[in-house]
Amino acid sequence: MAGFLDRAKEQAQRGLVQGKQKLDEVQNQRAGGDLLKKLGAAYYAERRGSGSPAATQQALQALEAHIATHGDSFLRS
């Protein structure tokens, strides 16, 4: 009986780890999408004359930092 409980506990632990990894992945994808939207909005504002090149550059740097840390998989989804 103890062996069964140990296996069940290990399986539950693996499930928790996998769930956390998936949650982190989804959160990183969402954050990347938000940064991409901010870059688009900054660029659009700059082109319309109500934004600045500095704001566009800042949004681009934030996006590039996110990609360097978490990868660019959100660009394909």
PDB file of N, CA and C in Angstrom:
ATOM      1  N   MET A   1       0.819  -1.190   0.000  1.00  0.00           N
ATOM      2  CA  MET A   1       0.000   0.000   0.000  1.00  0.00           C
ATOM      3  C   MET A   1       0.868   1.261   0.000  1.00  0.00           C
ATOM      4  N   ALA A   2       1.987   1.218   0.725  1.00  0.00           N
ATOM      5  CA  ALA A   2       2.867   2.393   0.805  1.00  0.00           C
ATOM      6  C   ALA A   2       3.480   2.693  -0.562  1.00  0.00           C
ATOM      7  N   GLY A   3       3.811   1.659  -1.313  1.00  0.00           N
ATOM      8  CA  GLY A   3       4.374   1.852  -2.646  1.00  0.00           C
ATOM      9  C   GLY A   3       3.389   2.551  -3.570  1.00  0.00           C
ATOM     10  N   PHE A   4       2.142   2.177  -3.472  1.00  0.00           N
ATOM     11  CA  PHE A   4       1.103   2.818  -4.278  1.00  0.00           C
ATOM     12  C   PHE A   4       0.976   4.299  -3.925  1.00  0.00           C
ATOM     13  N   LEU A   5       0.981   4.585  -2.633  1.00  0.00           N
ATOM     14  CA  LEU A   5       0.856   5.982  -2.194  1.00  0.00           C
ATOM     15  C   LEU A   5       2.079   6.800  -2.611  1.00  0.00           C
ATOM     16  N   ASP A   6       3.257   6.192  -2.555  1.00  0.00           N
ATOM     17  CA  ASP A   6       4.470   6.898  -2.987  1.00  0.00           C
ATOM     18  C   ASP A   6       4.408   7.230  -4.477  1.00  0.00           C
ATOM     19  N   ARG A   7       3.973   6.259  -5.273  1.00  0.00           N
ATOM     20  CA  ARG A   7       3.851   6.498  -6.718  1.00  0.00           C
ATOM     21  C   ARG A   7       2.809   7.570  -7.011  1.00  0.00           C
ATOM     22  N   ALA A   8       1.704   7.533  -6.296  1.00  0.00           N
ATOM     23  CA  ALA A   8       0.647   8.527  -6.493  1.00  0.00           C
ATOM     24  C   ALA A   8       1.157   9.917  -6.119  1.00  0.00           C
ATOM     25  N   LYS A   9       1.925   9.989  -5.042  1.00  0.00           N
ATOM     26  CA  LYS A   9       2.487  11.276  -4.617  1.00  0.00           C
ATOM     27  C   LYS A   9       3.471  11.807  -5.654  1.00  0.00           C
ATOM     28  N   GLU A  10       4.337  10.933  -6.174  1.00  0.00           N
ATOM     29  CA  GLU A  10       5.290  11.337  -7.215  1.00  0.00           C
ATOM     30  C   GLU A  10       4.565  11.825  -8.463  1.00  0.00           C
ATOM     31  N   GLN A  11       3.531  11.124  -8.842  1.00  0.00           N
ATOM     32  CA  GLN A  11       2.770  11.504 -10.033  1.00  0.00           C
ATOM     33  C   GLN A  11       2.076  12.849  -9.816  1.00  0.00           C
ATOM     34  N   ALA A  12       1.558  13.073  -8.639  1.00  0.00           N
ATOM     35  CA  ALA A  12       0.915  14.351  -8.330  1.00  0.00           C
ATOM     36  C   ALA A  12       1.944  15.480  -8.369  1.00  0.00           C
ATOM     37  N   GLN A  13       3.137  15.228  -7.845  1.00  0.00           N
ATOM     38  CA  GLN A  13       4.208  16.231  -7.873  1.00  0.00           C
ATOM     39  C   GLN A  13       4.583  16.573  -9.309  1.00  0.00           C
ATOM     40  N   ARG A  14       4.722  15.560 -10.152  1.00  0.00           N
ATOM     41  CA  ARG A  14       5.037  15.802 -11.567  1.00  0.00           C
ATOM     42  C   ARG A  14       3.946  16.609 -12.235  1.00  0.00           C
ATOM     43  N   GLY A  15       2.708  16.294 -11.909  1.00  0.00           N
ATOM     44  CA  GLY A  15       1.582  17.041 -12.469  1.00  0.00           C
ATOM     45  C   GLY A  15       1.621  18.501 -12.066  1.00  0.00           C
ATOM     46  N   LEU A  16       1.965  18.762 -10.813  1.00  0.00           N
ATOM     47  CA  LEU A  16       2.079  20.140 -10.340  1.00  0.00           C
ATOM     48  C   LEU A  16       3.195  20.885 -11.070  1.00  0.00           C
ATOM     49  N   VAL A  17       4.331  20.230 -11.240  1.00  0.00           N
ATOM     50  CA  VAL A  17       5.461  20.863 -11.937  1.00  0.00           C
ATOM     51  C   VAL A  17       5.084  21.154 -13.390  1.00  0.00           C
ATOM     52  N   GLN A  18       4.469  20.198 -14.047  1.00  0.00           N
ATOM     53  CA  GLN A  18       4.059  20.398 -15.435  1.00  0.00           C
ATOM     54  C   GLN A  18       3.027  21.500 -15.550  1.00  0.00           C
ATOM     55  N   GLY A  19       2.105  21.552 -14.614  1.00  0.00           N
ATOM     56  CA  GLY A  19       1.088  22.605 -14.617  1.00  0.00           C
ATOM     57  C   GLY A  19       1.716  23.978 -14.429  1.00  0.00           C
ATOM     58  N   LYS A  20       2.675  24.081 -13.538  1.00  0.00           N
ATOM     59  CA  LYS A  20       3.369  25.349 -13.302  1.00  0.00           C
ATOM     60  C   LYS A  20       4.135  25.774 -14.550  1.00  0.00           C
ATOM     61  N   GLN A  21       4.797  24.821 -15.203  1.00  0.00           N
ATOM     62  CA  GLN A  21       5.532  25.140 -16.430  1.00  0.00           C
ATOM     63  C   GLN A  21       4.584  25.655 -17.508  1.00  0.00           C
ATOM     64  N   LYS A  22       3.454  25.027 -17.657  1.00  0.00           N
ATOM     65  CA  LYS A  22       2.483  25.449 -18.665  1.00  0.00           C
ATOM     66  C   LYS A  22       1.933  26.832 -18.332  1.00  0.00           C
ATOM     67  N   LEU A  23       1.655  27.080 -17.056  1.00  0.00           N
ATOM     68  CA  LEU A  23       1.170  28.389 -16.636  1.00  0.00           C
ATOM     69  C   LEU A  23       2.208  29.464 -16.927  1.00  0.00           C
ATOM     70  N   ASP A  24       3.465  29.193 -16.610  1.00  0.00           N
ATOM     71  CA  ASP A  24       4.537  30.148 -16.898  1.00  0.00           C
ATOM     72  C   ASP A  24       4.636  30.421 -18.395  1.00  0.00           C
ATOM     73  N   GLU A  25       4.512  29.366 -19.190  1.00  0.00           N
ATOM     74  CA  GLU A  25       4.581  29.514 -20.647  1.00  0.00           C
ATOM     75  C   GLU A  25       3.448  30.410 -21.163  1.00  0.00           C
ATOM     76  N   VAL A  26       2.253  30.171 -20.674  1.00  0.00           N
ATOM     77  CA  VAL A  26       1.098  30.972 -21.100  1.00  0.00           C
ATOM     78  C   VAL A  26       1.261  32.428 -20.667  1.00  0.00           C
ATOM     79  N   GLN A  27       1.737  32.636 -19.443  1.00  0.00           N
ATOM     80  CA  GLN A  27       1.951  34.005 -18.965  1.00  0.00           C
ATOM     81  C   GLN A  27       3.020  34.718 -19.784  1.00  0.00           C
ATOM     82  N   ASN A  28       4.084  34.019 -20.139  1.00  0.00           N
ATOM     83  CA  ASN A  28       5.139  34.620 -20.962  1.00  0.00           C
ATOM     84  C   ASN A  28       4.625  34.926 -22.367  1.00  0.00           C
ATOM     85  N   GLN A  29       3.806  34.057 -22.918  1.00  0.00           N
ATOM     86  CA  GLN A  29       3.215  34.298 -24.233  1.00  0.00           C
ATOM     87  C   GLN A  29       2.328  35.542 -24.182  1.00  0.00           C
ATOM     88  N   ARG A  30       1.530  35.648 -23.145  1.00  0.00           N
ATOM     89  CA  ARG A  30       0.630  36.795 -22.995  1.00  0.00           C
ATOM     90  C   ARG A  30       1.428  38.085 -22.820  1.00  0.00           C
ATOM     91  N   ALA A  31       2.472  38.039 -22.007  1.00  0.00           N
ATOM     92  CA  ALA A  31       3.313  39.225 -21.794  1.00  0.00           C
ATOM     93  C   ALA A  31       3.996  39.635 -23.103  1.00  0.00           C
ATOM     94  N   GLY A  32       4.465  38.664 -23.873  1.00  0.00           N
ATOM     95  CA  GLY A  32       5.080  38.966 -25.161  1.00  0.00           C
ATOM     96  C   GLY A  32       4.092  39.598 -26.121  1.00  0.00           C
ATOM     97  N   GLY A  33       2.882  39.080 -26.148  1.00  0.00           N
ATOM     98  CA  GLY A  33       1.847  39.665 -26.992  1.00  0.00           C
ATOM     99  C   GLY A  33       1.514  41.090 -26.591  1.00  0.00           C
ATOM    100  N   ASP A  34       1.468  41.330 -25.286  1.00  0.00           N
ATOM    101  CA  ASP A  34       1.193  42.688 -24.800  1.00  0.00           C
ATOM    102  C   ASP A  34       2.315  43.650 -25.202  1.00  0.00           C
ATOM    103  N   LEU A  35       3.556  43.196 -25.090  1.00  0.00           N
ATOM    104  CA  LEU A  35       4.685  44.047 -25.485  1.00  0.00           C
ATOM    105  C   LEU A  35       4.662  44.325 -26.983  1.00  0.00           C
ATOM    106  N   LEU A  36       4.274  43.329 -27.759  1.00  0.00           N
ATOM    107  CA  LEU A  36       4.177  43.516 -29.206  1.00  0.00           C
ATOM    108  C   LEU A  36       3.085  44.533 -29.540  1.00  0.00           C
ATOM    109  N   LYS A  37       1.971  44.471 -28.838  1.00  0.00           N
ATOM    110  CA  LYS A  37       0.894  45.450 -29.040  1.00  0.00           C
ATOM    111  C   LYS A  37       1.359  46.852 -28.669  1.00  0.00           C
ATOM    112  N   LYS A  38       2.107  46.959 -27.578  1.00  0.00           N
ATOM    113  CA  LYS A  38       2.617  48.271 -27.160  1.00  0.00           C
ATOM    114  C   LYS A  38       3.575  48.839 -28.199  1.00  0.00           C
ATOM    115  N   LEU A  39       4.397  47.976 -28.783  1.00  0.00           N
ATOM    116  CA  LEU A  39       5.303  48.428 -29.836  1.00  0.00           C
ATOM    117  C   LEU A  39       4.506  48.928 -31.039  1.00  0.00           C
ATOM    118  N   GLY A  40       3.500  48.194 -31.431  1.00  0.00           N
ATOM    119  CA  GLY A  40       2.662  48.611 -32.548  1.00  0.00           C
ATOM    120  C   GLY A  40       1.960  49.928 -32.275  1.00  0.00           C
ATOM    121  N   ALA A  41       1.455  50.092 -31.062  1.00  0.00           N
ATOM    122  CA  ALA A  41       0.780  51.338 -30.705  1.00  0.00           C
ATOM    123  C   ALA A  41       1.752  52.505 -30.689  1.00  0.00           C
ATOM    124  N   ALA A  42       2.969  52.277 -30.185  1.00  0.00           N
ATOM    125  CA  ALA A  42       3.972  53.342 -30.147  1.00  0.00           C
ATOM    126  C   ALA A  42       4.379  53.740 -31.565  1.00  0.00           C
ATOM    127  N   TYR A  43       4.551  52.750 -32.420  1.00  0.00           N
ATOM    128  CA  TYR A  43       4.928  53.036 -33.803  1.00  0.00           C
ATOM    129  C   TYR A  43       3.809  53.797 -34.516  1.00  0.00           C
ATOM    130  N   TYR A  44       2.574  53.366 -34.320  1.00  0.00           N
ATOM    131  CA  TYR A  44       1.430  54.022 -34.934  1.00  0.00           C
ATOM    132  C   TYR A  44       1.324  55.474 -34.461  1.00  0.00           C
ATOM    133  N   ALA A  45       1.476  55.676 -33.155  1.00  0.00           N
ATOM    134  CA  ALA A  45       1.418  57.037 -32.608  1.00  0.00           C
ATOM    135  C   ALA A  45       2.542  57.898 -33.182  1.00  0.00           C
ATOM    136  N   GLU A  46       3.713  57.309 -33.316  1.00  0.00           N
ATOM    137  CA  GLU A  46       4.836  58.060 -33.884  1.00  0.00           C
ATOM    138  C   GLU A  46       4.545  58.460 -35.336  1.00  0.00           C
ATOM    139  N   ARG A  47       4.017  57.545 -36.100  1.00  0.00           N
ATOM    140  CA  ARG A  47       3.724  57.822 -37.516  1.00  0.00           C
ATOM    141  C   ARG A  47       2.613  58.864 -37.664  1.00  0.00           C
ATOM    142  N   ARG A  48       1.684  58.890 -36.721  1.00  0.00           N
ATOM    143  CA  ARG A  48       0.581  59.856 -36.776  1.00  0.00           C
ATOM    144  C   ARG A  48       0.991  61.222 -36.231  1.00  0.00           C
ATOM    145  N   GLY A  49       2.152  61.299 -35.635  1.00  0.00           N
ATOM    146  CA  GLY A  49       2.639  62.563 -35.125  1.00  0.00           C
ATOM    147  C   GLY A  49       2.346  62.817 -33.659  1.00  0.00           C
ATOM    148  N   SER A  50       1.686  61.880 -32.998  1.00  0.00           N
ATOM    149  CA  SER A  50       1.376  62.079 -31.579  1.00  0.00           C
ATOM    150  C   SER A  50       2.311  61.299 -30.663  1.00  0.00           C
ATOM    151  N   GLY A  51       3.216  60.537 -31.245  1.00  0.00           N
ATOM    152  CA  GLY A  51       4.167  59.755 -30.454  1.00  0.00           C
ATOM    153  C   GLY A  51       5.581  60.223 -30.717  1.00  0.00           C
ATOM    154  N   SER A  52       6.511  59.563 -30.082  1.00  0.00           N
ATOM    155  CA  SER A  52       7.905  59.953 -30.249  1.00  0.00           C
ATOM    156  C   SER A  52       8.753  58.749 -30.625  1.00  0.00           C
ATOM    157  N   PRO A  53       9.850  58.993 -31.325  1.00  0.00           N
ATOM    158  CA  PRO A  53      10.767  57.891 -31.618  1.00  0.00           C
ATOM    159  C   PRO A  53      11.309  57.239 -30.337  1.00  0.00           C
ATOM    160  N   ALA A  54      11.467  58.037 -29.285  1.00  0.00           N
ATOM    161  CA  ALA A  54      11.965  57.485 -28.022  1.00  0.00           C
ATOM    162  C   ALA A  54      10.981  56.463 -27.443  1.00  0.00           C
ATOM    163  N   ALA A  55       9.696  56.736 -27.528  1.00  0.00           N
ATOM    164  CA  ALA A  55       8.693  55.792 -27.017  1.00  0.00           C
ATOM    165  C   ALA A  55       8.704  54.503 -27.838  1.00  0.00           C
ATOM    166  N   THR A  56       8.865  54.641 -29.144  1.00  0.00           N
ATOM    167  CA  THR A  56       8.935  53.454 -30.006  1.00  0.00           C
ATOM    168  C   THR A  56      10.175  52.647 -29.672  1.00  0.00           C
ATOM    169  N   GLN A  57      11.288  53.319 -29.493  1.00  0.00           N
ATOM    170  CA  GLN A  57      12.539  52.636 -29.168  1.00  0.00           C
ATOM    171  C   GLN A  57      12.447  51.935 -27.809  1.00  0.00           C
ATOM    172  N   GLN A  58      11.817  52.572 -26.854  1.00  0.00           N
ATOM    173  CA  GLN A  58      11.652  51.977 -25.528  1.00  0.00           C
ATOM    174  C   GLN A  58      10.788  50.717 -25.608  1.00  0.00           C
ATOM    175  N   ALA A  59       9.714  50.785 -26.388  1.00  0.00           N
ATOM    176  CA  ALA A  59       8.842  49.621 -26.553  1.00  0.00           C
ATOM    177  C   ALA A  59       9.588  48.489 -27.257  1.00  0.00           C
ATOM    178  N   LEU A  60      10.410  48.832 -28.241  1.00  0.00           N
ATOM    179  CA  LEU A  60      11.202  47.826 -28.960  1.00  0.00           C
ATOM    180  C   LEU A  60      12.208  47.174 -28.018  1.00  0.00           C
ATOM    181  N   GLN A  61      12.865  47.954 -27.189  1.00  0.00           N
ATOM    182  CA  GLN A  61      13.844  47.401 -26.252  1.00  0.00           C
ATOM    183  C   GLN A  61      13.178  46.480 -25.239  1.00  0.00           C
ATOM    184  N   ALA A  62      12.000  46.853 -24.776  1.00  0.00           N
ATOM    185  CA  ALA A  62      11.280  45.997 -23.834  1.00  0.00           C
ATOM    186  C   ALA A  62      10.918  44.662 -24.489  1.00  0.00           C
ATOM    187  N   LEU A  63      10.491  44.713 -25.737  1.00  0.00           N
ATOM    188  CA  LEU A  63      10.153  43.496 -26.473  1.00  0.00           C
ATOM    189  C   LEU A  63      11.392  42.641 -26.690  1.00  0.00           C
ATOM    190  N   GLU A  64      12.489  43.259 -27.083  1.00  0.00           N
ATOM    191  CA  GLU A  64      13.727  42.509 -27.304  1.00  0.00           C
ATOM    192  C   GLU A  64      14.245  41.880 -26.010  1.00  0.00           C
ATOM    193  N   ALA A  65      14.096  42.556 -24.891  1.00  0.00           N
ATOM    194  CA  ALA A  65      14.507  41.991 -23.608  1.00  0.00           C
ATOM    195  C   ALA A  65      13.649  40.768 -23.262  1.00  0.00           C
ATOM    196  N   HIS A  66      12.361  40.866 -23.532  1.00  0.00           N
ATOM    197  CA  HIS A  66      11.461  39.735 -23.275  1.00  0.00           C
ATOM    198  C   HIS A  66      11.856  38.545 -24.152  1.00  0.00           C
ATOM    199  N   ILE A  67      12.147  38.801 -25.417  1.00  0.00           N
ATOM    200  CA  ILE A  67      12.537  37.731 -26.337  1.00  0.00           C
ATOM    201  C   ILE A  67      13.852  37.105 -25.885  1.00  0.00           C
ATOM    202  N   ALA A  68      14.796  37.918 -25.440  1.00  0.00           N
ATOM    203  CA  ALA A  68      16.080  37.386 -24.979  1.00  0.00           C
ATOM    204  C   ALA A  68      15.904  36.474 -23.768  1.00  0.00           C
ATOM    205  N   THR A  69      14.949  36.796 -22.930  1.00  0.00           N
ATOM    206  CA  THR A  69      14.728  36.019 -21.714  1.00  0.00           C
ATOM    207  C   THR A  69      13.841  34.801 -21.946  1.00  0.00           C
ATOM    208  N   HIS A  70      12.771  34.969 -22.714  1.00  0.00           N
ATOM    209  CA  HIS A  70      11.747  33.941 -22.825  1.00  0.00           C
ATOM    210  C   HIS A  70      11.601  33.325 -24.215  1.00  0.00           C
ATOM    211  N   GLY A  71      12.329  33.827 -25.190  1.00  0.00           N
ATOM    212  CA  GLY A  71      12.203  33.315 -26.544  1.00  0.00           C
ATOM    213  C   GLY A  71      11.120  34.029 -27.332  1.00  0.00           C
ATOM    214  N   ASP A  72      10.997  33.680 -28.587  1.00  0.00           N
ATOM    215  CA  ASP A  72      10.058  34.374 -29.476  1.00  0.00           C
ATOM    216  C   ASP A  72       8.901  33.496 -29.931  1.00  0.00           C
ATOM    217  N   SER A  73       8.592  32.464 -29.169  1.00  0.00           N
ATOM    218  CA  SER A  73       7.532  31.536 -29.580  1.00  0.00           C
ATOM    219  C   SER A  73       6.172  32.223 -29.673  1.00  0.00           C
ATOM    220  N   PHE A  74       5.965  33.299 -28.920  1.00  0.00           N
ATOM    221  CA  PHE A  74       4.684  34.001 -28.967  1.00  0.00           C
ATOM    222  C   PHE A  74       4.460  34.678 -30.317  1.00  0.00           C
ATOM    223  N   LEU A  75       5.522  34.884 -31.087  1.00  0.00           N
ATOM    224  CA  LEU A  75       5.383  35.520 -32.398  1.00  0.00           C
ATOM    225  C   LEU A  75       4.734  34.580 -33.411  1.00  0.00           C
ATOM    226  N   ARG A  76       4.763  33.290 -33.142  1.00  0.00           N
ATOM    227  CA  ARG A  76       4.235  32.299 -34.077  1.00  0.00           C
ATOM    228  C   ARG A  76       2.851  31.804 -33.691  1.00  0.00           C
ATOM    229  N   SER A  77       2.335  32.242 -32.582  1.00  0.00           N
ATOM    230  CA  SER A  77       1.026  31.708 -32.168  1.00  0.00           C
ATOM    231  C   SER A  77      -0.083  32.703 -32.387  1.00  0.00           C
TER     232      SER A  77
END
